[in-house]
Amino acid sequence: MALSMCLLAGRSIARSRVALCGAGASVCALHPTIAGSRCGPGAPIMLAFFRWQFVELVMAERAACVERNTLETQVKVSINLDGTGKAKFDIGVPFLEHMLDQIARHGLIDLDIECKGDLHIDDHHTVEDVGITLGQAFAKAVGDKKGMTRYGHSYVPLDEALSRVVIDFSGRPGLQMHVPFTRAVVGNFDVDLFQEFFQGFVNHALVSLHIDNLRGHNTHHQIETVFKAFGRALRMAVELDPRMAGQMPSTKGCL
């Protein structure tokens, strides 16, 4: 039996070949090479082996591109969840770009973000709208979430600072952010805007997100540990779980 499926919303292609000979205990593994050419070089491949059953899933890179235009900002976000951590930014807010780079590098997510915003007023609309559009891109890229780990968490230290981030791609937006910033600004950047960034992301990615800075007195370190932990938590959550191949990570049957 052969199955071919194209998910336009997530800009992804999945092909699966299934040979059934009965049921049995399963041992699952990721395979890096077999049939890799089916969806292009570097496409992740998931294999599930059963005693009398063989299932091969070849999945293209999960990617999305979203544009969002308002009277305040024009934002374009391209992401690849199965990337290598490549990042390209043209936002006009250097400290935000530095933090987004942490998401890409530590999440192994390719990010390309352009934004033309009303920076002559302040950074608020730009930071918030980048968070919103990034959330929309994630919502598209994860698709139906079948086979995805769903939950992710990370603790990240940087010298005296330590932060914890926990995320759930639950389909329900919720943010708990507890970061006692020791300064109001870093350089020229208003650190309160990171609350707006994460709230925008959560509302449109439809995730539950808990962010806690557990200790730290250098504000730059506090923020950087949050973004590094966020990247690593995302990486864990969107990882494909070979034991969940084709299955929804919820007893409800949908997320």
C-alpha atoms as a PDB file:
ATOM      1  CA  MET A   1       0.000   0.000   0.000  1.00  0.00           C
ATOM      2  CA  ALA A   2       1.344   3.413  -0.871  1.00  0.00           C
ATOM      3  CA  LEU A   3       0.256   6.748   0.519  1.00  0.00           C
ATOM      4  CA  SER A   4       1.189  10.239  -0.615  1.00  0.00           C
ATOM      5  CA  MET A   5       0.076  13.327   1.253  1.00  0.00           C
ATOM      6  CA  CYS A   6       0.770  17.006   0.713  1.00  0.00           C
ATOM      7  CA  LEU A   7       0.168  19.462   3.550  1.00  0.00           C
ATOM      8  CA  LEU A   8       0.068  22.878   1.919  1.00  0.00           C
ATOM      9  CA  ALA A   9      -0.515  24.817   5.134  1.00  0.00           C
ATOM     10  CA  GLY A  10       2.705  23.525   6.604  1.00  0.00           C
ATOM     11  CA  ARG A  11       4.431  23.508   3.184  1.00  0.00           C
ATOM     12  CA  SER A  12       5.409  19.905   3.822  1.00  0.00           C
ATOM     13  CA  ILE A  13       5.231  16.623   1.936  1.00  0.00           C
ATOM     14  CA  ALA A  14       5.019  13.229   3.585  1.00  0.00           C
ATOM     15  CA  ARG A  15       5.173   9.868   1.855  1.00  0.00           C
ATOM     16  CA  SER A  16       4.686   6.570   3.508  1.00  0.00           C
ATOM     17  CA  ARG A  17       4.963   2.964   2.367  1.00  0.00           C
ATOM     18  CA  VAL A  18       3.370   0.363   4.548  1.00  0.00           C
ATOM     19  CA  ALA A  19       3.641  -3.429   4.335  1.00  0.00           C
ATOM     20  CA  LEU A  20       1.477  -5.270   6.814  1.00  0.00           C
ATOM     21  CA  CYS A  21       1.993  -8.882   7.856  1.00  0.00           C
ATOM     22  CA  GLY A  22       0.374  -8.891  11.282  1.00  0.00           C
ATOM     23  CA  ALA A  23       0.811  -7.301  14.681  1.00  0.00           C
ATOM     24  CA  GLY A  24       3.601  -7.552  17.210  1.00  0.00           C
ATOM     25  CA  ALA A  25       5.883  -5.801  19.669  1.00  0.00           C
ATOM     26  CA  SER A  26       7.598  -2.693  18.296  1.00  0.00           C
ATOM     27  CA  VAL A  27      11.114  -1.361  18.306  1.00  0.00           C
ATOM     28  CA  CYS A  28      11.443   2.122  16.797  1.00  0.00           C
ATOM     29  CA  ALA A  29      14.472   3.961  15.468  1.00  0.00           C
ATOM     30  CA  LEU A  30      15.453   6.972  13.428  1.00  0.00           C
ATOM     31  CA  HIS A  31      17.233   6.123  10.194  1.00  0.00           C
ATOM     32  CA  PRO A  32      19.362   8.845   8.583  1.00  0.00           C
ATOM     33  CA  THR A  33      19.839   7.533   5.059  1.00  0.00           C
ATOM     34  CA  ILE A  34      17.246   5.168   3.616  1.00  0.00           C
ATOM     35  CA  ALA A  35      15.127   6.740   0.863  1.00  0.00           C
ATOM     36  CA  GLY A  36      16.445  10.195   1.785  1.00  0.00           C
ATOM     37  CA  SER A  37      16.264  11.254  -1.845  1.00  0.00           C
ATOM     38  CA  ARG A  38      12.483  10.944  -1.853  1.00  0.00           C
ATOM     39  CA  CYS A  39      11.982  14.340  -0.277  1.00  0.00           C
ATOM     40  CA  GLY A  40      15.339  15.904  -0.973  1.00  0.00           C
ATOM     41  CA  PRO A  41      18.716  15.812   0.754  1.00  0.00           C
ATOM     42  CA  GLY A  42      18.690  15.906   4.507  1.00  0.00           C
ATOM     43  CA  ALA A  43      15.001  15.092   4.916  1.00  0.00           C
ATOM     44  CA  PRO A  44      14.384  13.447   8.284  1.00  0.00           C
ATOM     45  CA  ILE A  45      13.322   9.822   8.038  1.00  0.00           C
ATOM     46  CA  MET A  46      11.385   7.909  10.654  1.00  0.00           C
ATOM     47  CA  LEU A  47      11.237   4.127  10.685  1.00  0.00           C
ATOM     48  CA  ALA A  48       9.046   2.001  12.909  1.00  0.00           C
ATOM     49  CA  PHE A  49       9.789  -1.730  13.029  1.00  0.00           C
ATOM     50  CA  PHE A  50       7.268  -4.312  14.186  1.00  0.00           C
ATOM     51  CA  ARG A  51       7.690  -8.057  14.581  1.00  0.00           C
ATOM     52  CA  TRP A  52       5.447  -8.746  11.568  1.00  0.00           C
ATOM     53  CA  GLN A  53       4.983  -5.252  10.340  1.00  0.00           C
ATOM     54  CA  PHE A  54       7.240  -2.741   8.595  1.00  0.00           C
ATOM     55  CA  VAL A  55       6.445   0.958   8.365  1.00  0.00           C
ATOM     56  CA  GLU A  56       8.620   3.536   6.654  1.00  0.00           C
ATOM     57  CA  LEU A  57       7.836   7.209   6.911  1.00  0.00           C
ATOM     58  CA  VAL A  58       9.733   9.752   4.853  1.00  0.00           C
ATOM     59  CA  MET A  59       8.933  13.274   5.977  1.00  0.00           C
ATOM     60  CA  ALA A  60      10.004  16.488   4.290  1.00  0.00           C
ATOM     61  CA  GLU A  61      11.306  19.422   6.255  1.00  0.00           C
ATOM     62  CA  ARG A  62       8.552  21.063   8.288  1.00  0.00           C
ATOM     63  CA  ALA A  63       8.620  24.666   7.193  1.00  0.00           C
ATOM     64  CA  ALA A  64       6.377  27.707   6.913  1.00  0.00           C
ATOM     65  CA  CYS A  65       6.443  31.260   5.636  1.00  0.00           C
ATOM     66  CA  VAL A  66       4.059  33.876   7.033  1.00  0.00           C
ATOM     67  CA  GLU A  67       3.596  37.541   6.180  1.00  0.00           C
ATOM     68  CA  ARG A  68       1.669  39.923   8.425  1.00  0.00           C
ATOM     69  CA  ASN A  69       1.044  43.522   7.436  1.00  0.00           C
ATOM     70  CA  THR A  70      -0.534  46.272   9.520  1.00  0.00           C
ATOM     71  CA  LEU A  71      -0.336  50.063   9.534  1.00  0.00           C
ATOM     72  CA  GLU A  72       2.395  49.724  12.182  1.00  0.00           C
ATOM     73  CA  THR A  73       4.564  46.877  10.899  1.00  0.00           C
ATOM     74  CA  GLN A  74       5.199  44.655   7.889  1.00  0.00           C
ATOM     75  CA  VAL A  75       6.621  41.322   9.054  1.00  0.00           C
ATOM     76  CA  LYS A  76       7.766  38.275   7.100  1.00  0.00           C
ATOM     77  CA  VAL A  77       8.873  35.107   8.925  1.00  0.00           C
ATOM     78  CA  SER A  78      10.258  31.928   7.364  1.00  0.00           C
ATOM     79  CA  ILE A  79      11.073  28.954   9.584  1.00  0.00           C
ATOM     80  CA  ASN A  80      12.293  25.390   9.178  1.00  0.00           C
ATOM     81  CA  LEU A  81      11.765  23.219  12.248  1.00  0.00           C
ATOM     82  CA  ASP A  82      14.202  20.601  10.943  1.00  0.00           C
ATOM     83  CA  GLY A  83      16.982  23.047  10.218  1.00  0.00           C
ATOM     84  CA  THR A  84      20.541  23.521  11.401  1.00  0.00           C
ATOM     85  CA  GLY A  85      20.219  26.770  13.337  1.00  0.00           C
ATOM     86  CA  LYS A  86      20.796  29.195  10.469  1.00  0.00           C
ATOM     87  CA  ALA A  87      19.512  32.702  11.148  1.00  0.00           C
ATOM     88  CA  LYS A  88      19.000  35.865   9.119  1.00  0.00           C
ATOM     89  CA  PHE A  89      17.382  38.982  10.537  1.00  0.00           C
ATOM     90  CA  ASP A  90      16.486  42.426   9.261  1.00  0.00           C
ATOM     91  CA  ILE A  91      14.357  43.871  12.034  1.00  0.00           C
ATOM     92  CA  GLY A  92      16.115  47.042  13.130  1.00  0.00           C
ATOM     93  CA  VAL A  93      16.211  46.100  16.820  1.00  0.00           C
ATOM     94  CA  PRO A  94      19.703  44.660  17.446  1.00  0.00           C
ATOM     95  CA  PHE A  95      19.074  43.258  20.930  1.00  0.00           C
ATOM     96  CA  LEU A  96      15.940  41.432  19.773  1.00  0.00           C
ATOM     97  CA  GLU A  97      17.881  40.024  16.817  1.00  0.00           C
ATOM     98  CA  HIS A  98      20.583  38.816  19.230  1.00  0.00           C
ATOM     99  CA  MET A  99      17.953  36.959  21.286  1.00  0.00           C
ATOM    100  CA  LEU A 100      16.231  35.477  18.222  1.00  0.00           C
ATOM    101  CA  ASP A 101      19.617  34.138  17.177  1.00  0.00           C
ATOM    102  CA  GLN A 102      19.644  32.144  20.433  1.00  0.00           C
ATOM    103  CA  ILE A 103      16.330  30.503  19.470  1.00  0.00           C
ATOM    104  CA  ALA A 104      17.708  29.478  16.086  1.00  0.00           C
ATOM    105  CA  ARG A 105      21.071  28.233  17.326  1.00  0.00           C
ATOM    106  CA  HIS A 106      19.897  26.330  20.392  1.00  0.00           C
ATOM    107  CA  GLY A 107      16.625  25.140  18.842  1.00  0.00           C
ATOM    108  CA  LEU A 108      18.290  24.029  15.589  1.00  0.00           C
ATOM    109  CA  ILE A 109      15.538  25.967  13.845  1.00  0.00           C
ATOM    110  CA  ASP A 110      16.278  27.961  10.701  1.00  0.00           C
ATOM    111  CA  LEU A 111      14.880  31.485  11.066  1.00  0.00           C
ATOM    112  CA  ASP A 112      14.619  34.265   8.503  1.00  0.00           C
ATOM    113  CA  ILE A 113      12.768  37.331   9.798  1.00  0.00           C
ATOM    114  CA  GLU A 114      12.251  40.703   8.129  1.00  0.00           C
ATOM    115  CA  CYS A 115      10.342  43.548   9.710  1.00  0.00           C
ATOM    116  CA  LYS A 116       9.735  47.147   8.743  1.00  0.00           C
ATOM    117  CA  GLY A 117       8.194  48.814  11.775  1.00  0.00           C
ATOM    118  CA  ASP A 118       7.447  52.225  13.231  1.00  0.00           C
ATOM    119  CA  LEU A 119      10.745  52.375  15.125  1.00  0.00           C
ATOM    120  CA  HIS A 120      10.576  56.179  15.008  1.00  0.00           C
ATOM    121  CA  ILE A 121       7.937  55.821  17.723  1.00  0.00           C
ATOM    122  CA  ASP A 122       9.516  52.997  19.753  1.00  0.00           C
ATOM    123  CA  ASP A 123      10.241  49.259  19.558  1.00  0.00           C
ATOM    124  CA  HIS A 124       6.926  48.098  21.003  1.00  0.00           C
ATOM    125  CA  HIS A 125       4.946  47.308  17.853  1.00  0.00           C
ATOM    126  CA  THR A 126       7.947  45.715  16.146  1.00  0.00           C
ATOM    127  CA  VAL A 127       8.803  43.388  19.049  1.00  0.00           C
ATOM    128  CA  GLU A 128       5.185  42.369  19.645  1.00  0.00           C
ATOM    129  CA  ASP A 129       4.379  41.801  15.971  1.00  0.00           C
ATOM    130  CA  VAL A 130       7.518  39.720  15.391  1.00  0.00           C
ATOM    131  CA  GLY A 131       6.352  37.502  18.281  1.00  0.00           C
ATOM    132  CA  ILE A 132       2.863  37.241  16.773  1.00  0.00           C
ATOM    133  CA  THR A 133       4.112  36.346  13.296  1.00  0.00           C
ATOM    134  CA  LEU A 134       6.663  33.870  14.630  1.00  0.00           C
ATOM    135  CA  GLY A 135       3.849  32.172  16.541  1.00  0.00           C
ATOM    136  CA  GLN A 136       1.736  31.978  13.387  1.00  0.00           C
ATOM    137  CA  ALA A 137       4.651  30.409  11.519  1.00  0.00           C
ATOM    138  CA  PHE A 138       5.112  27.762  14.210  1.00  0.00           C
ATOM    139  CA  ALA A 139       1.401  26.946  14.168  1.00  0.00           C
ATOM    140  CA  LYS A 140       1.618  26.273  10.420  1.00  0.00           C
ATOM    141  CA  ALA A 141       4.922  24.414  10.491  1.00  0.00           C
ATOM    142  CA  VAL A 142       3.905  21.856  13.139  1.00  0.00           C
ATOM    143  CA  GLY A 143       0.872  20.869  11.066  1.00  0.00           C
ATOM    144  CA  ASP A 144      -1.422  18.345  12.747  1.00  0.00           C
ATOM    145  CA  LYS A 145       1.279  17.547  15.368  1.00  0.00           C
ATOM    146  CA  LYS A 146       1.094  13.795  14.776  1.00  0.00           C
ATOM    147  CA  GLY A 147       4.306  12.067  15.830  1.00  0.00           C
ATOM    148  CA  MET A 148       5.560  15.180  17.633  1.00  0.00           C
ATOM    149  CA  THR A 149       6.916  15.042  21.183  1.00  0.00           C
ATOM    150  CA  ARG A 150       4.642  17.989  22.125  1.00  0.00           C
ATOM    151  CA  TYR A 151       6.299  18.871  25.462  1.00  0.00           C
ATOM    152  CA  GLY A 152       9.678  20.499  25.937  1.00  0.00           C
ATOM    153  CA  HIS A 153      11.689  21.905  28.821  1.00  0.00           C
ATOM    154  CA  SER A 154      15.150  23.251  29.514  1.00  0.00           C
ATOM    155  CA  TYR A 155      17.287  24.773  32.246  1.00  0.00           C
ATOM    156  CA  VAL A 156      20.045  27.077  30.999  1.00  0.00           C
ATOM    157  CA  PRO A 157      22.727  28.824  33.089  1.00  0.00           C
ATOM    158  CA  LEU A 158      24.909  31.771  32.141  1.00  0.00           C
ATOM    159  CA  ASP A 159      27.398  32.681  34.851  1.00  0.00           C
ATOM    160  CA  GLU A 160      25.268  33.760  37.836  1.00  0.00           C
ATOM    161  CA  ALA A 161      21.934  33.516  35.972  1.00  0.00           C
ATOM    162  CA  LEU A 162      19.702  30.453  35.610  1.00  0.00           C
ATOM    163  CA  SER A 163      16.390  30.180  33.773  1.00  0.00           C
ATOM    164  CA  ARG A 164      13.836  27.440  33.155  1.00  0.00           C
ATOM    165  CA  VAL A 165      11.409  27.255  30.232  1.00  0.00           C
ATOM    166  CA  VAL A 166       8.644  24.654  29.811  1.00  0.00           C
ATOM    167  CA  ILE A 167       6.390  24.489  26.729  1.00  0.00           C
ATOM    168  CA  ASP A 168       3.369  22.448  25.657  1.00  0.00           C
ATOM    169  CA  PHE A 169       1.980  22.552  22.107  1.00  0.00           C
ATOM    170  CA  SER A 170      -1.456  22.032  23.621  1.00  0.00           C
ATOM    171  CA  GLY A 171      -3.546  24.076  21.197  1.00  0.00           C
ATOM    172  CA  ARG A 172      -4.423  26.405  24.087  1.00  0.00           C
ATOM    173  CA  PRO A 173      -2.592  29.712  24.643  1.00  0.00           C
ATOM    174  CA  GLY A 174      -1.241  30.431  28.103  1.00  0.00           C
ATOM    175  CA  LEU A 175       1.746  32.347  29.417  1.00  0.00           C
ATOM    176  CA  GLN A 176       3.290  32.386  32.878  1.00  0.00           C
ATOM    177  CA  MET A 177       6.395  34.573  32.823  1.00  0.00           C
ATOM    178  CA  HIS A 178       8.290  35.354  36.008  1.00  0.00           C
ATOM    179  CA  VAL A 179      11.494  37.247  35.300  1.00  0.00           C
ATOM    180  CA  PRO A 180      12.496  39.799  37.974  1.00  0.00           C
ATOM    181  CA  PHE A 181      14.570  42.052  35.752  1.00  0.00           C
ATOM    182  CA  THR A 182      17.194  43.939  37.717  1.00  0.00           C
ATOM    183  CA  ARG A 183      17.248  46.791  35.178  1.00  0.00           C
ATOM    184  CA  ALA A 184      14.561  48.384  33.002  1.00  0.00           C
ATOM    185  CA  VAL A 185      16.719  48.654  29.886  1.00  0.00           C
ATOM    186  CA  VAL A 186      19.630  46.847  28.250  1.00  0.00           C
ATOM    187  CA  GLY A 187      21.381  49.333  26.017  1.00  0.00           C
ATOM    188  CA  ASN A 188      18.403  51.140  24.505  1.00  0.00           C
ATOM    189  CA  PHE A 189      16.061  48.165  24.726  1.00  0.00           C
ATOM    190  CA  ASP A 190      13.059  48.206  27.088  1.00  0.00           C
ATOM    191  CA  VAL A 191      13.124  44.745  28.679  1.00  0.00           C
ATOM    192  CA  ASP A 192       9.374  44.837  29.419  1.00  0.00           C
ATOM    193  CA  LEU A 193       8.828  44.297  25.694  1.00  0.00           C
ATOM    194  CA  PHE A 194       9.866  40.667  26.029  1.00  0.00           C
ATOM    195  CA  GLN A 195       6.585  40.032  27.855  1.00  0.00           C
ATOM    196  CA  GLU A 196       4.815  41.389  24.756  1.00  0.00           C
ATOM    197  CA  PHE A 197       6.960  39.215  22.471  1.00  0.00           C
ATOM    198  CA  PHE A 198       6.180  36.002  24.330  1.00  0.00           C
ATOM    199  CA  GLN A 199       2.489  36.875  24.772  1.00  0.00           C
ATOM    200  CA  GLY A 200       2.185  37.438  21.036  1.00  0.00           C
ATOM    201  CA  PHE A 201       3.982  34.162  20.306  1.00  0.00           C
ATOM    202  CA  VAL A 202       1.834  32.163  22.726  1.00  0.00           C
ATOM    203  CA  ASN A 203      -1.460  33.586  21.469  1.00  0.00           C
ATOM    204  CA  HIS A 204      -0.745  32.588  17.870  1.00  0.00           C
ATOM    205  CA  ALA A 205       1.357  29.419  18.247  1.00  0.00           C
ATOM    206  CA  LEU A 206      -1.368  28.156  20.625  1.00  0.00           C
ATOM    207  CA  VAL A 207       1.043  26.868  23.255  1.00  0.00           C
ATOM    208  CA  SER A 208       1.282  26.889  27.023  1.00  0.00           C
ATOM    209  CA  LEU A 209       4.564  28.518  28.021  1.00  0.00           C
ATOM    210  CA  HIS A 210       6.119  28.813  31.478  1.00  0.00           C
ATOM    211  CA  ILE A 211       9.192  31.022  31.839  1.00  0.00           C
ATOM    212  CA  ASP A 212      11.035  31.397  35.134  1.00  0.00           C
ATOM    213  CA  ASN A 213      14.304  33.179  35.819  1.00  0.00           C
ATOM    214  CA  LEU A 214      15.407  31.349  38.946  1.00  0.00           C
ATOM    215  CA  ARG A 215      18.384  33.556  39.751  1.00  0.00           C
ATOM    216  CA  GLY A 216      20.606  36.232  38.282  1.00  0.00           C
ATOM    217  CA  HIS A 217      21.487  39.880  38.737  1.00  0.00           C
ATOM    218  CA  ASN A 218      22.850  40.783  35.299  1.00  0.00           C
ATOM    219  CA  THR A 219      19.800  41.652  33.173  1.00  0.00           C
ATOM    220  CA  HIS A 220      21.486  40.673  29.906  1.00  0.00           C
ATOM    221  CA  HIS A 221      22.271  37.265  31.408  1.00  0.00           C
ATOM    222  CA  GLN A 222      18.700  36.878  32.690  1.00  0.00           C
ATOM    223  CA  ILE A 223      17.243  37.511  29.240  1.00  0.00           C
ATOM    224  CA  GLU A 224      19.798  35.433  27.364  1.00  0.00           C
ATOM    225  CA  THR A 225      19.238  32.377  29.572  1.00  0.00           C
ATOM    226  CA  VAL A 226      15.493  32.705  28.947  1.00  0.00           C
ATOM    227  CA  PHE A 227      15.920  32.735  25.165  1.00  0.00           C
ATOM    228  CA  LYS A 228      18.471  29.925  25.124  1.00  0.00           C
ATOM    229  CA  ALA A 229      16.189  27.793  27.300  1.00  0.00           C
ATOM    230  CA  PHE A 230      13.236  28.722  25.066  1.00  0.00           C
ATOM    231  CA  GLY A 231      15.140  27.537  22.006  1.00  0.00           C
ATOM    232  CA  ARG A 232      16.103  24.240  23.608  1.00  0.00           C
ATOM    233  CA  ALA A 233      12.562  23.658  24.918  1.00  0.00           C
ATOM    234  CA  LEU A 234      11.192  24.269  21.408  1.00  0.00           C
ATOM    235  CA  ARG A 235      13.708  21.835  19.982  1.00  0.00           C
ATOM    236  CA  MET A 236      12.559  19.114  22.377  1.00  0.00           C
ATOM    237  CA  ALA A 237       8.857  19.777  21.843  1.00  0.00           C
ATOM    238  CA  VAL A 238       8.869  19.746  18.025  1.00  0.00           C
ATOM    239  CA  GLU A 239      11.168  16.712  17.806  1.00  0.00           C
ATOM    240  CA  LEU A 240       9.586  13.763  16.008  1.00  0.00           C
ATOM    241  CA  ASP A 241       9.179  10.781  18.339  1.00  0.00           C
ATOM    242  CA  PRO A 242       9.607   7.495  16.415  1.00  0.00           C
ATOM    243  CA  ARG A 243       7.447   5.662  18.947  1.00  0.00           C
ATOM    244  CA  MET A 244       4.608   8.123  18.238  1.00  0.00           C
ATOM    245  CA  ALA A 245       4.857   7.810  14.439  1.00  0.00           C
ATOM    246  CA  GLY A 246       1.528   8.819  12.937  1.00  0.00           C
ATOM    247  CA  GLN A 247      -0.107   9.181  16.343  1.00  0.00           C
ATOM    248  CA  MET A 248      -1.515  12.254  18.032  1.00  0.00           C
ATOM    249  CA  PRO A 249       0.267  13.042  21.329  1.00  0.00           C
ATOM    250  CA  SER A 250      -3.056  13.417  23.146  1.00  0.00           C
ATOM    251  CA  THR A 251      -5.774  11.084  24.361  1.00  0.00           C
ATOM    252  CA  LYS A 252      -8.312  13.563  22.913  1.00  0.00           C
ATOM    253  CA  GLY A 253      -7.216  12.649  19.393  1.00  0.00           C
ATOM    254  CA  CYS A 254      -6.533  16.248  18.412  1.00  0.00           C
ATOM    255  CA  LEU A 255      -4.573  19.282  19.568  1.00  0.00           C
END
